[in-house]
């Protein structure tokens, strides 16, 4: 079961607040239920209209949130095709802009 610690809520709120972010997908060990208490949080964002400086600013903002976990943010559109396919197949969509 996909589980994100409550302490990561502020980081998720920051990401959701960016209008260009269309969706957030949790992937990696937390998405497949193989995490331990020290597992990082791997997030893929769909944001085709967010430029590289915008992605960098978002990552910087997320890195400054107070959480006990490392949070990795990757733009889906920048992933190699094989990784993107794996993320979409095994990941869990945790947010979609309506």
PDB file of N, CA and C in Angstrom:
ATOM      1  N   UNK A   1       0.842  -1.184   0.000  1.00  0.00           N
ATOM      2  CA  UNK A   1       0.000   0.000   0.000  1.00  0.00           C
ATOM      3  C   UNK A   1       0.885   1.244   0.000  1.00  0.00           C
ATOM      4  N   UNK A   2       0.592   2.172  -0.843  1.00  0.00           N
ATOM      5  CA  UNK A   2       1.361   3.416  -0.925  1.00  0.00           C
ATOM      6  C   UNK A   2       1.159   4.211   0.355  1.00  0.00           C
ATOM      7  N   UNK A   3       2.276   4.574   0.983  1.00  0.00           N
ATOM      8  CA  UNK A   3       2.183   5.326   2.224  1.00  0.00           C
ATOM      9  C   UNK A   3       3.211   6.435   2.244  1.00  0.00           C
ATOM     10  N   UNK A   4       2.722   7.636   2.513  1.00  0.00           N
ATOM     11  CA  UNK A   4       3.604   8.786   2.645  1.00  0.00           C
ATOM     12  C   UNK A   4       3.467   9.280   4.079  1.00  0.00           C
ATOM     13  N   UNK A   5       4.582   9.431   4.772  1.00  0.00           N
ATOM     14  CA  UNK A   5       4.510   9.904   6.159  1.00  0.00           C
ATOM     15  C   UNK A   5       3.847  11.279   6.253  1.00  0.00           C
ATOM     16  N   UNK A   6       3.127  11.488   7.335  1.00  0.00           N
ATOM     17  CA  UNK A   6       2.447  12.769   7.553  1.00  0.00           C
ATOM     18  C   UNK A   6       3.418  13.941   7.508  1.00  0.00           C
ATOM     19  N   UNK A   7       4.660  13.711   7.947  1.00  0.00           N
ATOM     20  CA  UNK A   7       5.637  14.808   7.986  1.00  0.00           C
ATOM     21  C   UNK A   7       5.999  15.321   6.595  1.00  0.00           C
ATOM     22  N   UNK A   8       5.637  14.580   5.556  1.00  0.00           N
ATOM     23  CA  UNK A   8       5.924  15.017   4.188  1.00  0.00           C
ATOM     24  C   UNK A   8       4.795  15.864   3.612  1.00  0.00           C
ATOM     25  N   UNK A   9       3.761  16.107   4.392  1.00  0.00           N
ATOM     26  CA  UNK A   9       2.603  16.853   3.912  1.00  0.00           C
ATOM     27  C   UNK A   9       2.925  18.241   3.405  1.00  0.00           C
ATOM     28  N   UNK A  10       3.823  18.953   4.090  1.00  0.00           N
ATOM     29  CA  UNK A  10       4.175  20.315   3.660  1.00  0.00           C
ATOM     30  C   UNK A  10       4.833  20.294   2.288  1.00  0.00           C
ATOM     31  N   UNK A  11       5.681  19.297   2.043  1.00  0.00           N
ATOM     32  CA  UNK A  11       6.337  19.187   0.740  1.00  0.00           C
ATOM     33  C   UNK A  11       5.306  18.903  -0.350  1.00  0.00           C
ATOM     34  N   UNK A  12       4.370  18.026  -0.065  1.00  0.00           N
ATOM     35  CA  UNK A  12       3.318  17.731  -1.045  1.00  0.00           C
ATOM     36  C   UNK A  12       2.474  18.964  -1.321  1.00  0.00           C
ATOM     37  N   UNK A  13       2.174  19.725  -0.284  1.00  0.00           N
ATOM     38  CA  UNK A  13       1.398  20.953  -0.476  1.00  0.00           C
ATOM     39  C   UNK A  13       2.131  21.945  -1.366  1.00  0.00           C
ATOM     40  N   UNK A  14       3.455  22.041  -1.200  1.00  0.00           N
ATOM     41  CA  UNK A  14       4.256  22.925  -2.058  1.00  0.00           C
ATOM     42  C   UNK A  14       4.153  22.514  -3.522  1.00  0.00           C
ATOM     43  N   UNK A  15       4.258  21.217  -3.761  1.00  0.00           N
ATOM     44  CA  UNK A  15       4.200  20.713  -5.136  1.00  0.00           C
ATOM     45  C   UNK A  15       2.813  20.957  -5.733  1.00  0.00           C
ATOM     46  N   UNK A  16       1.780  20.656  -4.967  1.00  0.00           N
ATOM     47  CA  UNK A  16       0.405  20.833  -5.446  1.00  0.00           C
ATOM     48  C   UNK A  16       0.089  22.292  -5.758  1.00  0.00           C
ATOM     49  N   UNK A  17       0.770  23.204  -5.079  1.00  0.00           N
ATOM     50  CA  UNK A  17       0.506  24.638  -5.268  1.00  0.00           C
ATOM     51  C   UNK A  17       1.059  25.183  -6.580  1.00  0.00           C
ATOM     52  N   UNK A  18       1.903  24.416  -7.254  1.00  0.00           N
ATOM     53  CA  UNK A  18       2.480  24.863  -8.528  1.00  0.00           C
ATOM     54  C   UNK A  18       1.461  24.578  -9.635  1.00  0.00           C
ATOM     55  N   UNK A  19       0.917  25.619 -10.267  1.00  0.00           N
ATOM     56  CA  UNK A  19      -0.135  25.411 -11.270  1.00  0.00           C
ATOM     57  C   UNK A  19       0.265  24.488 -12.420  1.00  0.00           C
ATOM     58  N   UNK A  20       1.539  24.437 -12.769  1.00  0.00           N
ATOM     59  CA  UNK A  20       1.982  23.609 -13.890  1.00  0.00           C
ATOM     60  C   UNK A  20       1.997  22.118 -13.561  1.00  0.00           C
ATOM     61  N   UNK A  21       1.918  21.765 -12.289  1.00  0.00           N
ATOM     62  CA  UNK A  21       1.951  20.350 -11.899  1.00  0.00           C
ATOM     63  C   UNK A  21       0.569  19.749 -12.121  1.00  0.00           C
ATOM     64  N   UNK A  22       0.524  18.763 -13.015  1.00  0.00           N
ATOM     65  CA  UNK A  22      -0.747  18.111 -13.351  1.00  0.00           C
ATOM     66  C   UNK A  22      -1.033  16.908 -12.458  1.00  0.00           C
ATOM     67  N   UNK A  23       0.044  16.187 -12.084  1.00  0.00           N
ATOM     68  CA  UNK A  23      -0.146  15.018 -11.227  1.00  0.00           C
ATOM     69  C   UNK A  23       1.148  14.705 -10.485  1.00  0.00           C
ATOM     70  N   UNK A  24       0.987  13.919  -9.416  1.00  0.00           N
ATOM     71  CA  UNK A  24       2.121  13.450  -8.626  1.00  0.00           C
ATOM     72  C   UNK A  24       1.983  11.942  -8.511  1.00  0.00           C
ATOM     73  N   UNK A  25       3.072  11.238  -8.814  1.00  0.00           N
ATOM     74  CA  UNK A  25       3.085   9.779  -8.729  1.00  0.00           C
ATOM     75  C   UNK A  25       4.154   9.372  -7.717  1.00  0.00           C
ATOM     76  N   UNK A  26       3.756   8.597  -6.728  1.00  0.00           N
ATOM     77  CA  UNK A  26       4.693   8.013  -5.779  1.00  0.00           C
ATOM     78  C   UNK A  26       5.264   6.759  -6.424  1.00  0.00           C
ATOM     79  N   UNK A  27       6.587   6.630  -6.416  1.00  0.00           N
ATOM     80  CA  UNK A  27       7.182   5.420  -6.975  1.00  0.00           C
ATOM     81  C   UNK A  27       8.292   4.934  -6.062  1.00  0.00           C
ATOM     82  N   UNK A  28       8.900   3.815  -6.415  1.00  0.00           N
ATOM     83  CA  UNK A  28       9.953   3.245  -5.579  1.00  0.00           C
ATOM     84  C   UNK A  28       9.377   2.373  -4.474  1.00  0.00           C
ATOM     85  N   UNK A  29      10.174   2.170  -3.438  1.00  0.00           N
ATOM     86  CA  UNK A  29       9.806   1.220  -2.383  1.00  0.00           C
ATOM     87  C   UNK A  29       8.504   1.584  -1.679  1.00  0.00           C
ATOM     88  N   UNK A  30       8.237   2.866  -1.498  1.00  0.00           N
ATOM     89  CA  UNK A  30       6.995   3.262  -0.806  1.00  0.00           C
ATOM     90  C   UNK A  30       5.756   2.966  -1.652  1.00  0.00           C
ATOM     91  N   UNK A  31       5.890   2.964  -2.951  1.00  0.00           N
ATOM     92  CA  UNK A  31       4.742   2.681  -3.823  1.00  0.00           C
ATOM     93  C   UNK A  31       4.400   1.197  -3.847  1.00  0.00           C
ATOM     94  N   UNK A  32       5.411   0.357  -3.696  1.00  0.00           N
ATOM     95  CA  UNK A  32       5.167  -1.087  -3.778  1.00  0.00           C
ATOM     96  C   UNK A  32       5.069  -1.743  -2.409  1.00  0.00           C
ATOM     97  N   UNK A  33       5.168  -0.936  -1.336  1.00  0.00           N
ATOM     98  CA  UNK A  33       5.024  -1.472   0.009  1.00  0.00           C
ATOM     99  C   UNK A  33       6.250  -2.166   0.542  1.00  0.00           C
ATOM    100  N   UNK A  34       7.415  -1.829   0.001  1.00  0.00           N
ATOM    101  CA  UNK A  34       8.664  -2.470   0.407  1.00  0.00           C
ATOM    102  C   UNK A  34       9.556  -1.517   1.205  1.00  0.00           C
ATOM    103  N   UNK A  35       8.980  -0.434   1.727  1.00  0.00           N
ATOM    104  CA  UNK A  35       9.779   0.571   2.423  1.00  0.00           C
ATOM    105  C   UNK A  35      10.115   0.125   3.844  1.00  0.00           C
ATOM    106  N   UNK A  36      11.151   0.755   4.394  1.00  0.00           N
ATOM    107  CA  UNK A  36      11.427   0.617   5.819  1.00  0.00           C
ATOM    108  C   UNK A  36      11.353   2.013   6.427  1.00  0.00           C
ATOM    109  N   UNK A  37      11.656   2.128   7.702  1.00  0.00           N
ATOM    110  CA  UNK A  37      11.478   3.415   8.380  1.00  0.00           C
ATOM    111  C   UNK A  37      12.403   4.512   7.865  1.00  0.00           C
ATOM    112  N   UNK A  38      13.439   4.160   7.123  1.00  0.00           N
ATOM    113  CA  UNK A  38      14.375   5.157   6.592  1.00  0.00           C
ATOM    114  C   UNK A  38      14.246   5.371   5.084  1.00  0.00           C
ATOM    115  N   UNK A  39      13.296   4.737   4.460  1.00  0.00           N
ATOM    116  CA  UNK A  39      13.151   4.856   3.005  1.00  0.00           C
ATOM    117  C   UNK A  39      12.831   6.288   2.596  1.00  0.00           C
ATOM    118  N   UNK A  40      13.462   6.709   1.506  1.00  0.00           N
ATOM    119  CA  UNK A  40      13.160   8.045   0.991  1.00  0.00           C
ATOM    120  C   UNK A  40      11.802   8.026   0.289  1.00  0.00           C
ATOM    121  N   UNK A  41      11.379   9.200  -0.127  1.00  0.00           N
ATOM    122  CA  UNK A  41      10.097   9.356  -0.806  1.00  0.00           C
ATOM    123  C   UNK A  41      10.392   9.793  -2.235  1.00  0.00           C
ATOM    124  N   UNK A  42      10.073   8.931  -3.189  1.00  0.00           N
ATOM    125  CA  UNK A  42      10.327   9.210  -4.602  1.00  0.00           C
ATOM    126  C   UNK A  42       9.037   9.683  -5.257  1.00  0.00           C
ATOM    127  N   UNK A  43       9.066  10.912  -5.768  1.00  0.00           N
ATOM    128  CA  UNK A  43       7.894  11.492  -6.408  1.00  0.00           C
ATOM    129  C   UNK A  43       8.211  11.864  -7.848  1.00  0.00           C
ATOM    130  N   UNK A  44       7.329  11.469  -8.745  1.00  0.00           N
ATOM    131  CA  UNK A  44       7.419  11.889 -10.145  1.00  0.00           C
ATOM    132  C   UNK A  44       6.271  12.856 -10.381  1.00  0.00           C
ATOM    133  N   UNK A  45       6.589  14.000 -10.963  1.00  0.00           N
ATOM    134  CA  UNK A  45       5.544  14.981 -11.253  1.00  0.00           C
ATOM    135  C   UNK A  45       5.349  15.075 -12.759  1.00  0.00           C
ATOM    136  N   UNK A  46       4.102  15.201 -13.160  1.00  0.00           N
ATOM    137  CA  UNK A  46       3.820  15.501 -14.557  1.00  0.00           C
ATOM    138  C   UNK A  46       3.618  17.004 -14.642  1.00  0.00           C
ATOM    139  N   UNK A  47       4.538  17.655 -15.346  1.00  0.00           N
ATOM    140  CA  UNK A  47       4.499  19.116 -15.475  1.00  0.00           C
ATOM    141  C   UNK A  47       5.142  19.516 -16.792  1.00  0.00           C
ATOM    142  N   UNK A  48       4.477  19.202 -17.917  1.00  0.00           N
ATOM    143  CA  UNK A  48       5.090  19.459 -19.217  1.00  0.00           C
ATOM    144  C   UNK A  48       5.390  20.928 -19.491  1.00  0.00           C
ATOM    145  N   UNK A  49       4.684  21.830 -18.823  1.00  0.00           N
ATOM    146  CA  UNK A  49       4.905  23.261 -19.065  1.00  0.00           C
ATOM    147  C   UNK A  49       5.865  23.904 -18.073  1.00  0.00           C
ATOM    148  N   UNK A  50       6.428  23.117 -17.170  1.00  0.00           N
ATOM    149  CA  UNK A  50       7.371  23.646 -16.184  1.00  0.00           C
ATOM    150  C   UNK A  50       8.782  23.535 -16.747  1.00  0.00           C
ATOM    151  N   UNK A  51       9.464  24.675 -16.877  1.00  0.00           N
ATOM    152  CA  UNK A  51      10.814  24.663 -17.443  1.00  0.00           C
ATOM    153  C   UNK A  51      11.838  24.198 -16.405  1.00  0.00           C
ATOM    154  N   UNK A  52      13.065  23.966 -16.867  1.00  0.00           N
ATOM    155  CA  UNK A  52      14.126  23.448 -15.996  1.00  0.00           C
ATOM    156  C   UNK A  52      14.367  24.331 -14.773  1.00  0.00           C
ATOM    157  N   UNK A  53      14.434  25.664 -14.924  1.00  0.00           N
ATOM    158  CA  UNK A  53      14.601  26.491 -13.722  1.00  0.00           C
ATOM    159  C   UNK A  53      13.425  26.350 -12.748  1.00  0.00           C
ATOM    160  N   UNK A  54      12.230  26.178 -13.270  1.00  0.00           N
ATOM    161  CA  UNK A  54      11.062  25.982 -12.412  1.00  0.00           C
ATOM    162  C   UNK A  54      11.144  24.681 -11.637  1.00  0.00           C
ATOM    163  N   UNK A  55      11.599  23.627 -12.306  1.00  0.00           N
ATOM    164  CA  UNK A  55      11.784  22.335 -11.636  1.00  0.00           C
ATOM    165  C   UNK A  55      12.840  22.478 -10.545  1.00  0.00           C
ATOM    166  N   UNK A  56      13.929  23.169 -10.854  1.00  0.00           N
ATOM    167  CA  UNK A  56      15.001  23.365  -9.869  1.00  0.00           C
ATOM    168  C   UNK A  56      14.493  24.139  -8.653  1.00  0.00           C
ATOM    169  N   UNK A  57      13.702  25.182  -8.887  1.00  0.00           N
ATOM    170  CA  UNK A  57      13.140  25.954  -7.767  1.00  0.00           C
ATOM    171  C   UNK A  57      12.218  25.086  -6.912  1.00  0.00           C
ATOM    172  N   UNK A  58      11.429  24.245  -7.568  1.00  0.00           N
ATOM    173  CA  UNK A  58      10.528  23.359  -6.838  1.00  0.00           C
ATOM    174  C   UNK A  58      11.323  22.373  -5.987  1.00  0.00           C
ATOM    175  N   UNK A  59      12.347  21.772  -6.565  1.00  0.00           N
ATOM    176  CA  UNK A  59      13.194  20.845  -5.801  1.00  0.00           C
ATOM    177  C   UNK A  59      13.824  21.543  -4.603  1.00  0.00           C
ATOM    178  N   UNK A  60      14.327  22.759  -4.815  1.00  0.00           N
ATOM    179  CA  UNK A  60      14.931  23.519  -3.714  1.00  0.00           C
ATOM    180  C   UNK A  60      13.911  23.774  -2.612  1.00  0.00           C
ATOM    181  N   UNK A  61      12.706  24.166  -2.996  1.00  0.00           N
ATOM    182  CA  UNK A  61      11.663  24.437  -2.002  1.00  0.00           C
ATOM    183  C   UNK A  61      11.310  23.171  -1.220  1.00  0.00           C
ATOM    184  N   UNK A  62      11.190  22.062  -1.926  1.00  0.00           N
ATOM    185  CA  UNK A  62      10.867  20.792  -1.264  1.00  0.00           C
ATOM    186  C   UNK A  62      11.984  20.399  -0.304  1.00  0.00           C
ATOM    187  N   UNK A  63      13.225  20.631  -0.707  1.00  0.00           N
ATOM    188  CA  UNK A  63      14.357  20.235   0.143  1.00  0.00           C
ATOM    189  C   UNK A  63      14.435  21.041   1.434  1.00  0.00           C
ATOM    190  N   UNK A  64      13.785  22.197   1.476  1.00  0.00           N
ATOM    191  CA  UNK A  64      13.831  23.017   2.690  1.00  0.00           C
ATOM    192  C   UNK A  64      12.666  22.743   3.637  1.00  0.00           C
ATOM    193  N   UNK A  65      11.727  21.884   3.235  1.00  0.00           N
ATOM    194  CA  UNK A  65      10.619  21.567   4.140  1.00  0.00           C
ATOM    195  C   UNK A  65      11.126  20.687   5.271  1.00  0.00           C
ATOM    196  N   UNK A  66      10.491  20.833   6.404  1.00  0.00           N
ATOM    197  CA  UNK A  66      10.897  20.069   7.584  1.00  0.00           C
ATOM    198  C   UNK A  66      10.250  18.693   7.540  1.00  0.00           C
ATOM    199  N   UNK A  67      11.064  17.699   7.284  1.00  0.00           N
ATOM    200  CA  UNK A  67      10.597  16.317   7.271  1.00  0.00           C
ATOM    201  C   UNK A  67      11.761  15.424   7.673  1.00  0.00           C
ATOM    202  N   UNK A  68      11.462  14.257   8.131  1.00  0.00           N
ATOM    203  CA  UNK A  68      12.502  13.313   8.535  1.00  0.00           C
ATOM    204  C   UNK A  68      13.004  12.492   7.356  1.00  0.00           C
ATOM    205  N   UNK A  69      12.417  12.693   6.190  1.00  0.00           N
ATOM    206  CA  UNK A  69      12.710  11.854   5.036  1.00  0.00           C
ATOM    207  C   UNK A  69      13.255  12.671   3.878  1.00  0.00           C
ATOM    208  N   UNK A  70      14.154  12.048   3.128  1.00  0.00           N
ATOM    209  CA  UNK A  70      14.625  12.669   1.892  1.00  0.00           C
ATOM    210  C   UNK A  70      13.500  12.520   0.868  1.00  0.00           C
ATOM    211  N   UNK A  71      13.198  13.609   0.191  1.00  0.00           N
ATOM    212  CA  UNK A  71      12.159  13.588  -0.836  1.00  0.00           C
ATOM    213  C   UNK A  71      12.802  13.911  -2.176  1.00  0.00           C
ATOM    214  N   UNK A  72      12.666  12.996  -3.099  1.00  0.00           N
ATOM    215  CA  UNK A  72      13.214  13.156  -4.444  1.00  0.00           C
ATOM    216  C   UNK A  72      12.072  13.507  -5.397  1.00  0.00           C
ATOM    217  N   UNK A  73      12.247  14.596  -6.147  1.00  0.00           N
ATOM    218  CA  UNK A  73      11.226  15.029  -7.110  1.00  0.00           C
ATOM    219  C   UNK A  73      11.824  14.974  -8.512  1.00  0.00           C
ATOM    220  N   UNK A  74      11.181  14.214  -9.388  1.00  0.00           N
ATOM    221  CA  UNK A  74      11.632  14.062 -10.768  1.00  0.00           C
ATOM    222  C   UNK A  74      10.469  14.376 -11.699  1.00  0.00           C
ATOM    223  N   UNK A  75      10.738  15.125 -12.733  1.00  0.00           N
ATOM    224  CA  UNK A  75       9.690  15.431 -13.714  1.00  0.00           C
ATOM    225  C   UNK A  75       9.558  14.240 -14.669  1.00  0.00           C
ATOM    226  N   UNK A  76       8.367  13.699 -14.782  1.00  0.00           N
ATOM    227  CA  UNK A  76       8.122  12.517 -15.611  1.00  0.00           C
ATOM    228  C   UNK A  76       8.610  12.742 -17.039  1.00  0.00           C
ATOM    229  N   UNK A  77       8.381  13.922 -17.549  1.00  0.00           N
ATOM    230  CA  UNK A  77       8.745  14.221 -18.936  1.00  0.00           C
ATOM    231  C   UNK A  77      10.258  14.177 -19.167  1.00  0.00           C
ATOM    232  N   UNK A  78      11.055  14.251 -18.108  1.00  0.00           N
ATOM    233  CA  UNK A  78      12.512  14.209 -18.239  1.00  0.00           C
ATOM    234  C   UNK A  78      13.089  12.809 -18.056  1.00  0.00           C
ATOM    235  N   UNK A  79      12.267  11.849 -17.689  1.00  0.00           N
ATOM    236  CA  UNK A  79      12.746  10.491 -17.425  1.00  0.00           C
ATOM    237  C   UNK A  79      13.025   9.751 -18.726  1.00  0.00           C
ATOM    238  N   UNK A  80      14.036   8.881 -18.713  1.00  0.00           N
ATOM    239  CA  UNK A  80      14.223   7.988 -19.862  1.00  0.00           C
ATOM    240  C   UNK A  80      12.960   7.136 -20.036  1.00  0.00           C
ATOM    241  N   UNK A  81      12.678   6.754 -21.256  1.00  0.00           N
ATOM    242  CA  UNK A  81      11.442   6.040 -21.578  1.00  0.00           C
ATOM    243  C   UNK A  81      11.238   4.798 -20.724  1.00  0.00           C
ATOM    244  N   UNK A  82      12.277   4.000 -20.525  1.00  0.00           N
ATOM    245  CA  UNK A  82      12.135   2.761 -19.750  1.00  0.00           C
ATOM    246  C   UNK A  82      11.757   3.059 -18.302  1.00  0.00           C
ATOM    247  N   UNK A  83      12.396   4.056 -17.703  1.00  0.00           N
ATOM    248  CA  UNK A  83      12.079   4.421 -16.322  1.00  0.00           C
ATOM    249  C   UNK A  83      10.666   4.990 -16.230  1.00  0.00           C
ATOM    250  N   UNK A  84      10.304   5.830 -17.178  1.00  0.00           N
ATOM    251  CA  UNK A  84       8.953   6.408 -17.196  1.00  0.00           C
ATOM    252  C   UNK A  84       7.906   5.297 -17.256  1.00  0.00           C
ATOM    253  N   UNK A  85       8.134   4.312 -18.107  1.00  0.00           N
ATOM    254  CA  UNK A  85       7.190   3.195 -18.225  1.00  0.00           C
ATOM    255  C   UNK A  85       7.078   2.427 -16.915  1.00  0.00           C
ATOM    256  N   UNK A  86       8.213   2.208 -16.261  1.00  0.00           N
ATOM    257  CA  UNK A  86       8.218   1.489 -14.985  1.00  0.00           C
ATOM    258  C   UNK A  86       7.484   2.292 -13.905  1.00  0.00           C
ATOM    259  N   UNK A  87       7.746   3.585 -13.844  1.00  0.00           N
ATOM    260  CA  UNK A  87       7.088   4.444 -12.856  1.00  0.00           C
ATOM    261  C   UNK A  87       5.580   4.442 -13.071  1.00  0.00           C
ATOM    262  N   UNK A  88       5.153   4.548 -14.307  1.00  0.00           N
ATOM    263  CA  UNK A  88       3.719   4.592 -14.588  1.00  0.00           C
ATOM    264  C   UNK A  88       3.053   3.237 -14.319  1.00  0.00           C
ATOM    265  N   UNK A  89       3.793   2.145 -14.501  1.00  0.00           N
ATOM    266  CA  UNK A  89       3.230   0.815 -14.272  1.00  0.00           C
ATOM    267  C   UNK A  89       3.183   0.457 -12.787  1.00  0.00           C
ATOM    268  N   UNK A  90       4.226   0.823 -12.036  1.00  0.00           N
ATOM    269  CA  UNK A  90       4.327   0.402 -10.641  1.00  0.00           C
ATOM    270  C   UNK A  90       4.013   1.509  -9.642  1.00  0.00           C
ATOM    271  N   UNK A  91       4.028   2.753 -10.107  1.00  0.00           N
ATOM    272  CA  UNK A  91       3.790   3.872  -9.202  1.00  0.00           C
ATOM    273  C   UNK A  91       2.323   4.022  -8.844  1.00  0.00           C
ATOM    274  N   UNK A  92       2.087   4.877  -7.868  1.00  0.00           N
ATOM    275  CA  UNK A  92       0.729   5.150  -7.402  1.00  0.00           C
ATOM    276  C   UNK A  92       0.456   6.642  -7.538  1.00  0.00           C
ATOM    277  N   UNK A  93      -0.534   6.994  -8.328  1.00  0.00           N
ATOM    278  CA  UNK A  93      -0.899   8.401  -8.475  1.00  0.00           C
ATOM    279  C   UNK A  93      -1.529   8.864  -7.169  1.00  0.00           C
ATOM    280  N   UNK A  94      -0.919   9.898  -6.569  1.00  0.00           N
ATOM    281  CA  UNK A  94      -1.415  10.391  -5.281  1.00  0.00           C
ATOM    282  C   UNK A  94      -2.065  11.765  -5.408  1.00  0.00           C
ATOM    283  N   UNK A  95      -1.955  12.370  -6.597  1.00  0.00           N
ATOM    284  CA  UNK A  95      -2.581  13.672  -6.818  1.00  0.00           C
ATOM    285  C   UNK A  95      -2.788  13.873  -8.309  1.00  0.00           C
ATOM    286  N   UNK A  96      -3.972  14.367  -8.670  1.00  0.00           N
ATOM    287  CA  UNK A  96      -4.257  14.789 -10.046  1.00  0.00           C
ATOM    288  C   UNK A  96      -5.017  16.099  -9.984  1.00  0.00           C
ATOM    289  N   UNK A  97      -4.521  17.082 -10.737  1.00  0.00           N
ATOM    290  CA  UNK A  97      -5.208  18.375 -10.788  1.00  0.00           C
ATOM    291  C   UNK A  97      -6.512  18.195 -11.558  1.00  0.00           C
ATOM    292  N   UNK A  98      -7.568  18.730 -11.006  1.00  0.00           N
ATOM    293  CA  UNK A  98      -8.866  18.582 -11.680  1.00  0.00           C
ATOM    294  C   UNK A  98      -9.170  19.777 -12.550  1.00  0.00           C
TER     295      UNK A  98
END
